[in-house]
Every structure is written in structure tokens, then in C-alpha cells.
């Protein structure tokens, strides 16, 4: 037969189990709230990362486009300078292969030689 002490012991164990279940449910709810918050934050961060990636692609595209424009500008300036060198200064004057200004006098001894002036734009 079951004694009163066994019933009290069983009641105590059931009460402990119920209390443990209540604590675990509270902990579970707290963990779920934390998880939900972390997942929302993760989605926000993913959105930010995607925005940064998109901005990065746009920046790279703009830089490449700008570099192409600079190349075209440099080629255009070089072409214009070459055309200006090839074009005679007077239409009735014969084209010269050498310097159109004619021969230059020799520099005095000890003087530094200066490079000839060019019509090209030297960026670098």
C-alpha cells in the first residue's frame, strides 16, 4: 500500500517538475525573443550589405567610365597635337620633316639644355 510519505514525496517531485517546466518555458520565451531580435537585425544588416555592394558596383562603374573618358581625352589631345605638328604654318610653305622653326644655334658651353616645348598635355 502507498503511504502518506510516498504521496508527499511524489507531490514534492511533481511540484519541482512543474516549477522546472515553468522556468524552462520562460527561458525558452526569452531565447525566442532574442532569436527573433537577432534575425531582424541580421536582415537589416543583409539589406545594408546589399546596398553597399550595389553602391560599390556603381562606384566601380563610374571610375571605369571616368578612366575611359580620360583615355579618350588624352588620345584626342595627342591626336590634335600630332595634327598640329604635321600641319604647315603657311599653306604655301613646304612641309618640313625637321623642326619648323629651323636650325637652332648651339647653346653656350656650360648652359643647361632645356627640353623642347611640346603642345601635348602631360598629365603623368
PDB file of N, CA and C in Angstrom:
ATOM      1  N   UNK A   1       0.818  -1.159   0.000  1.00  0.00           N
ATOM      2  CA  UNK A   1       0.000   0.000   0.000  1.00  0.00           C
ATOM      3  C   UNK A   1       0.885   1.254   0.000  1.00  0.00           C
ATOM      4  N   UNK A   2       0.320   2.333  -0.509  1.00  0.00           N
ATOM      5  CA  UNK A   2       1.051   3.577  -0.621  1.00  0.00           C
ATOM      6  C   UNK A   2       0.894   4.344   0.683  1.00  0.00           C
ATOM      7  N   UNK A   3       2.015   4.791   1.171  1.00  0.00           N
ATOM      8  CA  UNK A   3       1.977   5.521   2.439  1.00  0.00           C
ATOM      9  C   UNK A   3       1.853   7.027   2.183  1.00  0.00           C
ATOM     10  N   UNK A   4       1.516   7.742   3.220  1.00  0.00           N
ATOM     11  CA  UNK A   4       1.369   9.190   3.153  1.00  0.00           C
ATOM     12  C   UNK A   4       2.695   9.853   2.786  1.00  0.00           C
ATOM     13  N   UNK A   5       3.758   9.308   3.296  1.00  0.00           N
ATOM     14  CA  UNK A   5       5.076   9.872   2.973  1.00  0.00           C
ATOM     15  C   UNK A   5       5.395   9.721   1.498  1.00  0.00           C
ATOM     16  N   UNK A   6       5.013   8.637   0.909  1.00  0.00           N
ATOM     17  CA  UNK A   6       5.248   8.433  -0.516  1.00  0.00           C
ATOM     18  C   UNK A   6       4.435   9.445  -1.336  1.00  0.00           C
ATOM     19  N   UNK A   7       3.218   9.698  -0.899  1.00  0.00           N
ATOM     20  CA  UNK A   7       2.365  10.677  -1.579  1.00  0.00           C
ATOM     21  C   UNK A   7       2.986  12.054  -1.474  1.00  0.00           C
ATOM     22  N   UNK A   8       3.465  12.436  -0.283  1.00  0.00           N
ATOM     23  CA  UNK A   8       4.102  13.758  -0.106  1.00  0.00           C
ATOM     24  C   UNK A   8       5.375  13.863  -0.960  1.00  0.00           C
ATOM     25  N   UNK A   9       6.151  12.808  -1.011  1.00  0.00           N
ATOM     26  CA  UNK A   9       7.362  12.806  -1.833  1.00  0.00           C
ATOM     27  C   UNK A   9       7.000  12.958  -3.307  1.00  0.00           C
ATOM     28  N   UNK A  10       5.966  12.246  -3.750  1.00  0.00           N
ATOM     29  CA  UNK A  10       5.502  12.352  -5.129  1.00  0.00           C
ATOM     30  C   UNK A  10       5.012  13.762  -5.416  1.00  0.00           C
ATOM     31  N   UNK A  11       4.238  14.333  -4.485  1.00  0.00           N
ATOM     32  CA  UNK A  11       3.736  15.702  -4.654  1.00  0.00           C
ATOM     33  C   UNK A  11       4.914  16.675  -4.751  1.00  0.00           C
ATOM     34  N   UNK A  12       5.929  16.499  -3.932  1.00  0.00           N
ATOM     35  CA  UNK A  12       7.093  17.375  -3.964  1.00  0.00           C
ATOM     36  C   UNK A  12       7.819  17.268  -5.310  1.00  0.00           C
ATOM     37  N   UNK A  13       7.959  16.070  -5.813  1.00  0.00           N
ATOM     38  CA  UNK A  13       8.615  15.873  -7.103  1.00  0.00           C
ATOM     39  C   UNK A  13       7.788  16.480  -8.239  1.00  0.00           C
ATOM     40  N   UNK A  14       6.470  16.328  -8.181  1.00  0.00           N
ATOM     41  CA  UNK A  14       5.600  16.916  -9.207  1.00  0.00           C
ATOM     42  C   UNK A  14       5.681  18.435  -9.156  1.00  0.00           C
ATOM     43  N   UNK A  15       5.682  19.007  -7.950  1.00  0.00           N
ATOM     44  CA  UNK A  15       5.799  20.463  -7.787  1.00  0.00           C
ATOM     45  C   UNK A  15       7.137  20.946  -8.342  1.00  0.00           C
ATOM     46  N   UNK A  16       8.209  20.212  -8.055  1.00  0.00           N
ATOM     47  CA  UNK A  16       9.535  20.582  -8.590  1.00  0.00           C
ATOM     48  C   UNK A  16       9.539  20.509 -10.111  1.00  0.00           C
ATOM     49  N   UNK A  17       8.923  19.482 -10.672  1.00  0.00           N
ATOM     50  CA  UNK A  17       8.859  19.327 -12.124  1.00  0.00           C
ATOM     51  C   UNK A  17       8.054  20.457 -12.755  1.00  0.00           C
ATOM     52  N   UNK A  18       6.933  20.801 -12.125  1.00  0.00           N
ATOM     53  CA  UNK A  18       6.106  21.901 -12.640  1.00  0.00           C
ATOM     54  C   UNK A  18       6.882  23.213 -12.610  1.00  0.00           C
ATOM     55  N   UNK A  19       7.592  23.465 -11.519  1.00  0.00           N
ATOM     56  CA  UNK A  19       8.396  24.690 -11.395  1.00  0.00           C
ATOM     57  C   UNK A  19       9.513  24.711 -12.442  1.00  0.00           C
ATOM     58  N   UNK A  20      10.166  23.583 -12.645  1.00  0.00           N
ATOM     59  CA  UNK A  20      11.223  23.486 -13.649  1.00  0.00           C
ATOM     60  C   UNK A  20      10.653  23.744 -15.049  1.00  0.00           C
ATOM     61  N   UNK A  21       9.495  23.189 -15.337  1.00  0.00           N
ATOM     62  CA  UNK A  21       8.847  23.411 -16.641  1.00  0.00           C
ATOM     63  C   UNK A  21       8.525  24.885 -16.830  1.00  0.00           C
ATOM     64  N   UNK A  22       8.010  25.548 -15.758  1.00  0.00           N
ATOM     65  CA  UNK A  22       7.703  26.981 -15.841  1.00  0.00           C
ATOM     66  C   UNK A  22       8.975  27.790 -16.133  1.00  0.00           C
ATOM     67  N   UNK A  23      10.066  27.482 -15.427  1.00  0.00           N
ATOM     68  CA  UNK A  23      11.339  28.195 -15.628  1.00  0.00           C
ATOM     69  C   UNK A  23      11.852  27.963 -17.046  1.00  0.00           C
ATOM     70  N   UNK A  24      11.760  26.726 -17.497  1.00  0.00           N
ATOM     71  CA  UNK A  24      12.233  26.404 -18.850  1.00  0.00           C
ATOM     72  C   UNK A  24      11.386  27.101 -19.922  1.00  0.00           C
ATOM     73  N   UNK A  25      10.072  27.204 -19.698  1.00  0.00           N
ATOM     74  CA  UNK A  25       9.205  27.911 -20.647  1.00  0.00           C
ATOM     75  C   UNK A  25       9.578  29.395 -20.709  1.00  0.00           C
ATOM     76  N   UNK A  26       9.836  29.994 -19.546  1.00  0.00           N
ATOM     77  CA  UNK A  26      10.247  31.405 -19.517  1.00  0.00           C
ATOM     78  C   UNK A  26      11.579  31.586 -20.251  1.00  0.00           C
ATOM     79  N   UNK A  27      12.507  30.680 -19.989  1.00  0.00           N
ATOM     80  CA  UNK A  27      13.813  30.750 -20.653  1.00  0.00           C
ATOM     81  C   UNK A  27      13.649  30.569 -22.155  1.00  0.00           C
ATOM     82  N   UNK A  28      12.792  29.641 -22.539  1.00  0.00           N
ATOM     83  CA  UNK A  28      12.530  29.392 -23.955  1.00  0.00           C
ATOM     84  C   UNK A  28      11.946  30.648 -24.608  1.00  0.00           C
ATOM     85  N   UNK A  29      10.990  31.288 -23.947  1.00  0.00           N
ATOM     86  CA  UNK A  29      10.386  32.510 -24.487  1.00  0.00           C
ATOM     87  C   UNK A  29      11.428  33.615 -24.622  1.00  0.00           C
ATOM     88  N   UNK A  30      12.297  33.743 -23.606  1.00  0.00           N
ATOM     89  CA  UNK A  30      13.358  34.748 -23.663  1.00  0.00           C
ATOM     90  C   UNK A  30      14.311  34.467 -24.821  1.00  0.00           C
ATOM     91  N   UNK A  31      14.683  33.216 -24.985  1.00  0.00           N
ATOM     92  CA  UNK A  31      15.581  32.838 -26.082  1.00  0.00           C
ATOM     93  C   UNK A  31      14.925  33.075 -27.443  1.00  0.00           C
ATOM     94  N   UNK A  32      13.647  32.790 -27.541  1.00  0.00           N
ATOM     95  CA  UNK A  32      12.940  33.023 -28.811  1.00  0.00           C
ATOM     96  C   UNK A  32      12.880  34.520 -29.140  1.00  0.00           C
ATOM     97  N   UNK A  33      12.626  35.354 -28.116  1.00  0.00           N
ATOM     98  CA  UNK A  33      12.625  36.805 -28.354  1.00  0.00           C
ATOM     99  C   UNK A  33      14.010  37.268 -28.813  1.00  0.00           C
ATOM    100  N   UNK A  34      15.037  36.751 -28.157  1.00  0.00           N
ATOM    101  CA  UNK A  34      16.405  37.098 -28.552  1.00  0.00           C
ATOM    102  C   UNK A  34      16.707  36.651 -29.968  1.00  0.00           C
ATOM    103  N   UNK A  35      16.255  35.455 -30.308  1.00  0.00           N
ATOM    104  CA  UNK A  35      16.458  34.932 -31.658  1.00  0.00           C
ATOM    105  C   UNK A  35      15.719  35.790 -32.687  1.00  0.00           C
ATOM    106  N   UNK A  36      14.476  36.140 -32.393  1.00  0.00           N
ATOM    107  CA  UNK A  36      13.707  36.993 -33.306  1.00  0.00           C
ATOM    108  C   UNK A  36      14.400  38.334 -33.501  1.00  0.00           C
ATOM    109  N   UNK A  37      14.876  38.908 -32.424  1.00  0.00           N
ATOM    110  CA  UNK A  37      15.584  40.191 -32.499  1.00  0.00           C
ATOM    111  C   UNK A  37      16.857  40.054 -33.328  1.00  0.00           C
ATOM    112  N   UNK A  38      17.600  38.986 -33.099  1.00  0.00           N
ATOM    113  CA  UNK A  38      18.842  38.759 -33.849  1.00  0.00           C
ATOM    114  C   UNK A  38      18.547  38.537 -35.328  1.00  0.00           C
ATOM    115  N   UNK A  39      17.475  37.831 -35.633  1.00  0.00           N
ATOM    116  CA  UNK A  39      17.124  37.592 -37.032  1.00  0.00           C
ATOM    117  C   UNK A  39      16.701  38.883 -37.724  1.00  0.00           C
ATOM    118  N   UNK A  40      15.943  39.739 -37.018  1.00  0.00           N
ATOM    119  CA  UNK A  40      15.567  41.034 -37.597  1.00  0.00           C
ATOM    120  C   UNK A  40      16.812  41.869 -37.878  1.00  0.00           C
ATOM    121  N   UNK A  41      17.723  41.904 -36.914  1.00  0.00           N
ATOM    122  CA  UNK A  41      18.965  42.669 -37.075  1.00  0.00           C
ATOM    123  C   UNK A  41      19.800  42.109 -38.223  1.00  0.00           C
ATOM    124  N   UNK A  42      19.830  40.785 -38.336  1.00  0.00           N
ATOM    125  CA  UNK A  42      20.577  40.148 -39.422  1.00  0.00           C
ATOM    126  C   UNK A  42      19.989  40.554 -40.781  1.00  0.00           C
ATOM    127  N   UNK A  43      18.668  40.590 -40.874  1.00  0.00           N
ATOM    128  CA  UNK A  43      18.036  41.011 -42.130  1.00  0.00           C
ATOM    129  C   UNK A  43      18.355  42.467 -42.438  1.00  0.00           C
ATOM    130  N   UNK A  44      18.356  43.322 -41.402  1.00  0.00           N
ATOM    131  CA  UNK A  44      18.719  44.726 -41.607  1.00  0.00           C
ATOM    132  C   UNK A  44      20.153  44.839 -42.128  1.00  0.00           C
ATOM    133  N   UNK A  45      21.042  44.073 -41.519  1.00  0.00           N
ATOM    134  CA  UNK A  45      22.446  44.108 -41.930  1.00  0.00           C
ATOM    135  C   UNK A  45      22.634  43.557 -43.338  1.00  0.00           C
ATOM    136  N   UNK A  46      21.896  42.514 -43.682  1.00  0.00           N
ATOM    137  CA  UNK A  46      21.963  41.973 -45.036  1.00  0.00           C
ATOM    138  C   UNK A  46      21.504  43.019 -46.050  1.00  0.00           C
ATOM    139  N   UNK A  47      20.458  43.763 -45.700  1.00  0.00           N
ATOM    140  CA  UNK A  47      19.976  44.822 -46.576  1.00  0.00           C
ATOM    141  C   UNK A  47      21.054  45.899 -46.743  1.00  0.00           C
ATOM    142  N   UNK A  48      21.700  46.268 -45.634  1.00  0.00           N
ATOM    143  CA  UNK A  48      22.780  47.253 -45.708  1.00  0.00           C
ATOM    144  C   UNK A  48      23.935  46.755 -46.567  1.00  0.00           C
ATOM    145  N   UNK A  49      24.297  45.478 -46.392  1.00  0.00           N
ATOM    146  CA  UNK A  49      25.390  44.912 -47.176  1.00  0.00           C
ATOM    147  C   UNK A  49      25.042  44.933 -48.660  1.00  0.00           C
ATOM    148  N   UNK A  50      23.832  44.557 -48.993  1.00  0.00           N
ATOM    149  CA  UNK A  50      23.409  44.588 -50.399  1.00  0.00           C
ATOM    150  C   UNK A  50      23.466  46.012 -50.947  1.00  0.00           C
ATOM    151  N   UNK A  51      23.045  46.973 -50.124  1.00  0.00           N
ATOM    152  CA  UNK A  51      23.133  48.369 -50.547  1.00  0.00           C
ATOM    153  C   UNK A  51      24.572  48.791 -50.775  1.00  0.00           C
ATOM    154  N   UNK A  52      25.465  48.375 -49.879  1.00  0.00           N
ATOM    155  CA  UNK A  52      26.888  48.696 -50.041  1.00  0.00           C
ATOM    156  C   UNK A  52      27.452  48.045 -51.294  1.00  0.00           C
ATOM    157  N   UNK A  53      27.055  46.806 -51.553  1.00  0.00           N
ATOM    158  CA  UNK A  53      27.529  46.118 -52.761  1.00  0.00           C
ATOM    159  C   UNK A  53      27.053  46.844 -54.015  1.00  0.00           C
ATOM    160  N   UNK A  54      25.803  47.255 -54.003  1.00  0.00           N
ATOM    161  CA  UNK A  54      25.262  47.989 -55.146  1.00  0.00           C
ATOM    162  C   UNK A  54      26.016  49.306 -55.328  1.00  0.00           C
ATOM    163  N   UNK A  55      26.222  50.022 -54.227  1.00  0.00           N
ATOM    164  CA  UNK A  55      26.974  51.281 -54.299  1.00  0.00           C
ATOM    165  C   UNK A  55      28.384  51.030 -54.808  1.00  0.00           C
ATOM    166  N   UNK A  56      29.011  49.953 -54.350  1.00  0.00           N
ATOM    167  CA  UNK A  56      30.375  49.630 -54.777  1.00  0.00           C
ATOM    168  C   UNK A  56      30.413  49.370 -56.280  1.00  0.00           C
ATOM    169  N   UNK A  57      29.438  48.627 -56.788  1.00  0.00           N
ATOM    170  CA  UNK A  57      29.383  48.363 -58.229  1.00  0.00           C
ATOM    171  C   UNK A  57      29.206  49.669 -59.003  1.00  0.00           C
ATOM    172  N   UNK A  58      28.347  50.553 -58.509  1.00  0.00           N
ATOM    173  CA  UNK A  58      28.135  51.839 -59.179  1.00  0.00           C
ATOM    174  C   UNK A  58      29.403  52.689 -59.150  1.00  0.00           C
ATOM    175  N   UNK A  59      30.104  52.675 -58.018  1.00  0.00           N
ATOM    176  CA  UNK A  59      31.357  53.434 -57.904  1.00  0.00           C
ATOM    177  C   UNK A  59      32.382  52.886 -58.890  1.00  0.00           C
ATOM    178  N   UNK A  60      32.521  51.558 -58.940  1.00  0.00           N
ATOM    179  CA  UNK A  60      33.477  50.950 -59.866  1.00  0.00           C
ATOM    180  C   UNK A  60      33.130  51.288 -61.304  1.00  0.00           C
ATOM    181  N   UNK A  61      31.851  51.235 -61.644  1.00  0.00           N
ATOM    182  CA  UNK A  61      31.422  51.565 -62.999  1.00  0.00           C
ATOM    183  C   UNK A  61      31.748  53.018 -63.320  1.00  0.00           C
ATOM    184  N   UNK A  62      31.494  53.915 -62.378  1.00  0.00           N
ATOM    185  CA  UNK A  62      31.784  55.324 -62.598  1.00  0.00           C
ATOM    186  C   UNK A  62      33.284  55.562 -62.756  1.00  0.00           C
ATOM    187  N   UNK A  63      34.103  54.869 -61.983  1.00  0.00           N
ATOM    188  CA  UNK A  63      35.555  55.028 -62.094  1.00  0.00           C
ATOM    189  C   UNK A  63      36.036  54.520 -63.449  1.00  0.00           C
ATOM    190  N   UNK A  64      35.549  53.371 -63.866  1.00  0.00           N
ATOM    191  CA  UNK A  64      35.940  52.824 -65.170  1.00  0.00           C
ATOM    192  C   UNK A  64      35.509  53.769 -66.284  1.00  0.00           C
ATOM    193  N   UNK A  65      34.292  54.291 -66.190  1.00  0.00           N
ATOM    194  CA  UNK A  65      33.797  55.225 -67.207  1.00  0.00           C
ATOM    195  C   UNK A  65      34.659  56.493 -67.235  1.00  0.00           C
ATOM    196  N   UNK A  66      35.024  56.992 -66.058  1.00  0.00           N
ATOM    197  CA  UNK A  66      35.859  58.191 -65.977  1.00  0.00           C
ATOM    198  C   UNK A  66      37.236  57.924 -66.559  1.00  0.00           C
ATOM    199  N   UNK A  67      37.809  56.763 -66.269  1.00  0.00           N
ATOM    200  CA  UNK A  67      39.123  56.424 -66.830  1.00  0.00           C
ATOM    201  C   UNK A  67      39.057  56.317 -68.352  1.00  0.00           C
ATOM    202  N   UNK A  68      37.985  55.756 -68.868  1.00  0.00           N
ATOM    203  CA  UNK A  68      37.821  55.690 -70.331  1.00  0.00           C
ATOM    204  C   UNK A  68      37.723  57.103 -70.918  1.00  0.00           C
ATOM    205  N   UNK A  69      36.960  57.968 -70.245  1.00  0.00           N
ATOM    206  CA  UNK A  69      36.851  59.343 -70.723  1.00  0.00           C
ATOM    207  C   UNK A  69      38.205  60.039 -70.707  1.00  0.00           C
ATOM    208  N   UNK A  70      38.995  59.799 -69.662  1.00  0.00           N
ATOM    209  CA  UNK A  70      40.333  60.390 -69.593  1.00  0.00           C
ATOM    210  C   UNK A  70      41.228  59.848 -70.698  1.00  0.00           C
ATOM    211  N   UNK A  71      41.121  58.542 -70.975  1.00  0.00           N
ATOM    212  CA  UNK A  71      41.891  57.961 -72.082  1.00  0.00           C
ATOM    213  C   UNK A  71      41.499  58.600 -73.409  1.00  0.00           C
ATOM    214  N   UNK A  72      40.193  58.756 -73.627  1.00  0.00           N
ATOM    215  CA  UNK A  72      39.725  59.383 -74.857  1.00  0.00           C
ATOM    216  C   UNK A  72      40.214  60.822 -74.956  1.00  0.00           C
ATOM    217  N   UNK A  73      40.178  61.545 -73.841  1.00  0.00           N
ATOM    218  CA  UNK A  73      40.656  62.920 -73.822  1.00  0.00           C
ATOM    219  C   UNK A  73      42.144  62.981 -74.132  1.00  0.00           C
ATOM    220  N   UNK A  74      42.912  62.073 -73.549  1.00  0.00           N
ATOM    221  CA  UNK A  74      44.353  62.034 -73.791  1.00  0.00           C
ATOM    222  C   UNK A  74      44.649  61.695 -75.249  1.00  0.00           C
ATOM    223  N   UNK A  75      43.928  60.710 -75.789  1.00  0.00           N
ATOM    224  CA  UNK A  75      44.117  60.343 -77.194  1.00  0.00           C
ATOM    225  C   UNK A  75      43.725  61.498 -78.110  1.00  0.00           C
ATOM    226  N   UNK A  76      42.658  62.181 -77.761  1.00  0.00           N
ATOM    227  CA  UNK A  76      42.213  63.322 -78.556  1.00  0.00           C
ATOM    228  C   UNK A  76      43.254  64.433 -78.523  1.00  0.00           C
ATOM    229  N   UNK A  77      43.789  64.705 -77.326  1.00  0.00           N
ATOM    230  CA  UNK A  77      44.805  65.753 -77.207  1.00  0.00           C
ATOM    231  C   UNK A  77      46.070  65.359 -77.945  1.00  0.00           C
ATOM    232  N   UNK A  78      46.464  64.095 -77.867  1.00  0.00           N
ATOM    233  CA  UNK A  78      47.653  63.634 -78.579  1.00  0.00           C
ATOM    234  C   UNK A  78      47.427  63.705 -80.080  1.00  0.00           C
ATOM    235  N   UNK A  79      46.247  63.344 -80.523  1.00  0.00           N
ATOM    236  CA  UNK A  79      45.930  63.422 -81.955  1.00  0.00           C
ATOM    237  C   UNK A  79      45.923  64.862 -82.452  1.00  0.00           C
ATOM    238  N   UNK A  80      45.369  65.762 -81.658  1.00  0.00           N
ATOM    239  CA  UNK A  80      45.345  67.173 -82.050  1.00  0.00           C
ATOM    240  C   UNK A  80      46.755  67.738 -82.087  1.00  0.00           C
ATOM    241  N   UNK A  81      47.602  67.337 -81.135  1.00  0.00           N
ATOM    242  CA  UNK A  81      48.979  67.823 -81.121  1.00  0.00           C
ATOM    243  C   UNK A  81      49.742  67.274 -82.315  1.00  0.00           C
ATOM    244  N   UNK A  82      49.523  66.013 -82.640  1.00  0.00           N
ATOM    245  CA  UNK A  82      50.193  65.419 -83.798  1.00  0.00           C
ATOM    246  C   UNK A  82      49.727  66.099 -85.077  1.00  0.00           C
ATOM    247  N   UNK A  83      48.451  66.386 -85.173  1.00  0.00           N
ATOM    248  CA  UNK A  83      47.923  67.059 -86.364  1.00  0.00           C
ATOM    249  C   UNK A  83      48.488  68.468 -86.467  1.00  0.00           C
ATOM    250  N   UNK A  84      48.657  69.137 -85.340  1.00  0.00           N
ATOM    251  CA  UNK A  84      49.211  70.489 -85.354  1.00  0.00           C
ATOM    252  C   UNK A  84      50.677  70.463 -85.771  1.00  0.00           C
ATOM    253  N   UNK A  85      51.418  69.426 -85.383  1.00  0.00           N
ATOM    254  CA  UNK A  85      52.826  69.322 -85.794  1.00  0.00           C
ATOM    255  C   UNK A  85      52.943  69.021 -87.281  1.00  0.00           C
ATOM    256  N   UNK A  86      52.017  68.214 -87.804  1.00  0.00           N
ATOM    257  CA  UNK A  86      52.078  67.830 -89.216  1.00  0.00           C
ATOM    258  C   UNK A  86      51.595  68.947 -90.131  1.00  0.00           C
ATOM    259  N   UNK A  87      50.732  69.775 -89.663  1.00  0.00           N
ATOM    260  CA  UNK A  87      50.147  70.833 -90.478  1.00  0.00           C
ATOM    261  C   UNK A  87      51.159  71.978 -90.631  1.00  0.00           C
ATOM    262  N   UNK A  88      51.491  72.417 -91.879  1.00  0.00           N
ATOM    263  CA  UNK A  88      52.420  73.540 -92.044  1.00  0.00           C
ATOM    264  C   UNK A  88      51.769  74.834 -91.563  1.00  0.00           C
ATOM    265  N   UNK A  89      52.626  75.758 -91.114  1.00  0.00           N
ATOM    266  CA  UNK A  89      52.092  77.006 -90.596  1.00  0.00           C
ATOM    267  C   UNK A  89      51.518  77.886 -91.700  1.00  0.00           C
ATOM    268  N   UNK A  90      52.082  77.820 -92.916  1.00  0.00           N
ATOM    269  CA  UNK A  90      51.532  78.566 -94.059  1.00  0.00           C
ATOM    270  C   UNK A  90      51.116  77.566 -95.126  1.00  0.00           C
ATOM    271  N   UNK A  91      49.999  77.798 -95.767  1.00  0.00           N
ATOM    272  CA  UNK A  91      49.547  76.837 -96.778  1.00  0.00           C
ATOM    273  C   UNK A  91      50.509  76.746 -97.953  1.00  0.00           C
ATOM    274  N   UNK A  92      51.210  77.825 -98.334  1.00  0.00           N
ATOM    275  CA  UNK A  92      52.093  77.782 -99.495  1.00  0.00           C
ATOM    276  C   UNK A  92      53.507  77.351 -99.121  1.00  0.00           C
ATOM    277  N   UNK A  93      53.805  77.163 -97.825  1.00  0.00           N
ATOM    278  CA  UNK A  93      55.142  76.752 -97.394  1.00  0.00           C
ATOM    279  C   UNK A  93      55.256  75.234 -97.487  1.00  0.00           C
ATOM    280  N   UNK A  94      56.429  74.729 -97.919  1.00  0.00           N
ATOM    281  CA  UNK A  94      56.592  73.270 -97.993  1.00  0.00           C
ATOM    282  C   UNK A  94      56.662  72.674 -96.596  1.00  0.00           C
ATOM    283  N   UNK A  95      56.182  71.448 -96.481  1.00  0.00           N
ATOM    284  CA  UNK A  95      56.210  70.763 -95.195  1.00  0.00           C
ATOM    285  C   UNK A  95      57.645  70.350 -94.890  1.00  0.00           C
ATOM    286  N   UNK A  96      58.072  70.538 -93.641  1.00  0.00           N
ATOM    287  CA  UNK A  96      59.425  70.161 -93.229  1.00  0.00           C
ATOM    288  C   UNK A  96      59.352  68.955 -92.303  1.00  0.00           C
ATOM    289  N   UNK A  97      60.314  68.094 -92.486  1.00  0.00           N
ATOM    290  CA  UNK A  97      60.376  66.919 -91.609  1.00  0.00           C
ATOM    291  C   UNK A  97      61.009  67.286 -90.278  1.00  0.00           C
ATOM    292  N   UNK A  98      61.897  68.272 -90.313  1.00  0.00           N
ATOM    293  CA  UNK A  98      62.575  68.688 -89.084  1.00  0.00           C
ATOM    294  C   UNK A  98      61.746  69.734 -88.382  1.00  0.00           C
ATOM    295  N   UNK A  99      62.324  70.400 -87.412  1.00  0.00           N
ATOM    296  CA  UNK A  99      61.663  71.435 -86.625  1.00  0.00           C
ATOM    297  C   UNK A  99      61.278  72.588 -87.549  1.00  0.00           C
ATOM    298  N   UNK A 100      60.010  73.020 -87.547  1.00  0.00           N
ATOM    299  CA  UNK A 100      59.588  74.085 -88.456  1.00  0.00           C
ATOM    300  C   UNK A 100      60.257  75.426 -88.137  1.00  0.00           C
ATOM    301  N   UNK A 101      60.827  75.605 -87.007  1.00  0.00           N
ATOM    302  CA  UNK A 101      61.468  76.877 -86.663  1.00  0.00           C
ATOM    303  C   UNK A 101      62.864  76.968 -87.262  1.00  0.00           C
ATOM    304  N   UNK A 102      63.335  75.901 -87.863  1.00  0.00           N
ATOM    305  CA  UNK A 102      64.670  75.922 -88.468  1.00  0.00           C
ATOM    306  C   UNK A 102      65.713  75.458 -87.481  1.00  0.00           C
ATOM    307  N   UNK A 103      66.964  75.466 -87.927  1.00  0.00           N
ATOM    308  CA  UNK A 103      68.014  75.007 -87.016  1.00  0.00           C
ATOM    309  C   UNK A 103      68.191  75.980 -85.870  1.00  0.00           C
ATOM    310  N   UNK A 104      68.566  75.422 -84.718  1.00  0.00           N
ATOM    311  CA  UNK A 104      68.751  76.247 -83.533  1.00  0.00           C
ATOM    312  C   UNK A 104      70.235  76.483 -83.328  1.00  0.00           C
ATOM    313  N   UNK A 105      70.595  77.666 -82.831  1.00  0.00           N
ATOM    314  CA  UNK A 105      72.011  77.906 -82.569  1.00  0.00           C
ATOM    315  C   UNK A 105      72.459  77.051 -81.390  1.00  0.00           C
ATOM    316  N   UNK A 106      73.746  76.727 -81.407  1.00  0.00           N
ATOM    317  CA  UNK A 106      74.294  75.890 -80.338  1.00  0.00           C
ATOM    318  C   UNK A 106      74.271  76.670 -79.034  1.00  0.00           C
ATOM    319  N   UNK A 107      74.004  75.954 -77.952  1.00  0.00           N
ATOM    320  CA  UNK A 107      73.967  76.594 -76.637  1.00  0.00           C
ATOM    321  C   UNK A 107      75.389  76.867 -76.179  1.00  0.00           C
ATOM    322  N   UNK A 108      75.576  77.958 -75.445  1.00  0.00           N
ATOM    323  CA  UNK A 108      76.920  78.232 -74.953  1.00  0.00           C
ATOM    324  C   UNK A 108      77.384  77.131 -74.007  1.00  0.00           C
ATOM    325  N   UNK A 109      78.703  76.951 -73.921  1.00  0.00           N
ATOM    326  CA  UNK A 109      79.267  75.904 -73.069  1.00  0.00           C
ATOM    327  C   UNK A 109      78.859  76.150 -71.622  1.00  0.00           C
ATOM    328  N   UNK A 110      78.495  75.100 -70.929  1.00  0.00           N
ATOM    329  CA  UNK A 110      78.091  75.202 -69.523  1.00  0.00           C
ATOM    330  C   UNK A 110      76.621  75.506 -69.337  1.00  0.00           C
ATOM    331  N   UNK A 111      75.903  75.851 -70.369  1.00  0.00           N
ATOM    332  CA  UNK A 111      74.476  76.156 -70.244  1.00  0.00           C
ATOM    333  C   UNK A 111      73.698  74.838 -70.234  1.00  0.00           C
ATOM    334  N   UNK A 112      72.636  74.830 -69.477  1.00  0.00           N
ATOM    335  CA  UNK A 112      71.807  73.628 -69.407  1.00  0.00           C
ATOM    336  C   UNK A 112      70.911  73.562 -70.627  1.00  0.00           C
ATOM    337  N   UNK A 113      70.740  72.367 -71.132  1.00  0.00           N
ATOM    338  CA  UNK A 113      69.868  72.186 -72.294  1.00  0.00           C
ATOM    339  C   UNK A 113      68.442  72.008 -71.792  1.00  0.00           C
ATOM    340  N   UNK A 114      67.508  72.761 -72.336  1.00  0.00           N
ATOM    341  CA  UNK A 114      66.100  72.646 -71.970  1.00  0.00           C
ATOM    342  C   UNK A 114      65.408  71.760 -72.984  1.00  0.00           C
ATOM    343  N   UNK A 115      64.489  70.921 -72.520  1.00  0.00           N
ATOM    344  CA  UNK A 115      63.766  70.111 -73.489  1.00  0.00           C
ATOM    345  C   UNK A 115      62.871  71.008 -74.325  1.00  0.00           C
ATOM    346  N   UNK A 116      62.659  70.629 -75.574  1.00  0.00           N
ATOM    347  CA  UNK A 116      61.805  71.457 -76.435  1.00  0.00           C
ATOM    348  C   UNK A 116      60.380  71.485 -75.900  1.00  0.00           C
ATOM    349  N   UNK A 117      59.725  72.614 -76.046  1.00  0.00           N
ATOM    350  CA  UNK A 117      58.341  72.762 -75.590  1.00  0.00           C
ATOM    351  C   UNK A 117      57.442  71.915 -76.474  1.00  0.00           C
ATOM    352  N   UNK A 118      56.474  71.257 -75.847  1.00  0.00           N
ATOM    353  CA  UNK A 118      55.541  70.428 -76.597  1.00  0.00           C
ATOM    354  C   UNK A 118      54.139  70.969 -76.399  1.00  0.00           C
ATOM    355  N   UNK A 119      53.306  70.700 -77.351  1.00  0.00           N
ATOM    356  CA  UNK A 119      51.907  71.127 -77.267  1.00  0.00           C
ATOM    357  C   UNK A 119      51.040  70.054 -76.639  1.00  0.00           C
ATOM    358  N   UNK A 120      51.635  68.944 -76.204  1.00  0.00           N
ATOM    359  CA  UNK A 120      50.868  67.866 -75.600  1.00  0.00           C
ATOM    360  C   UNK A 120      50.614  68.155 -74.117  1.00  0.00           C
ATOM    361  N   UNK A 121      49.522  67.641 -73.657  1.00  0.00           N
ATOM    362  CA  UNK A 121      49.182  67.752 -72.247  1.00  0.00           C
ATOM    363  C   UNK A 121      49.789  66.547 -71.537  1.00  0.00           C
ATOM    364  N   UNK A 122      50.746  66.806 -70.668  1.00  0.00           N
ATOM    365  CA  UNK A 122      51.414  65.727 -69.934  1.00  0.00           C
ATOM    366  C   UNK A 122      50.828  65.639 -68.542  1.00  0.00           C
ATOM    367  N   UNK A 123      49.907  64.699 -68.353  1.00  0.00           N
ATOM    368  CA  UNK A 123      49.223  64.578 -67.067  1.00  0.00           C
ATOM    369  C   UNK A 123      50.083  63.817 -66.081  1.00  0.00           C
ATOM    370  N   UNK A 124      50.734  62.775 -66.521  1.00  0.00           N
ATOM    371  CA  UNK A 124      51.502  61.942 -65.602  1.00  0.00           C
ATOM    372  C   UNK A 124      52.946  62.194 -65.815  1.00  0.00           C
TER     373      UNK A 124
END
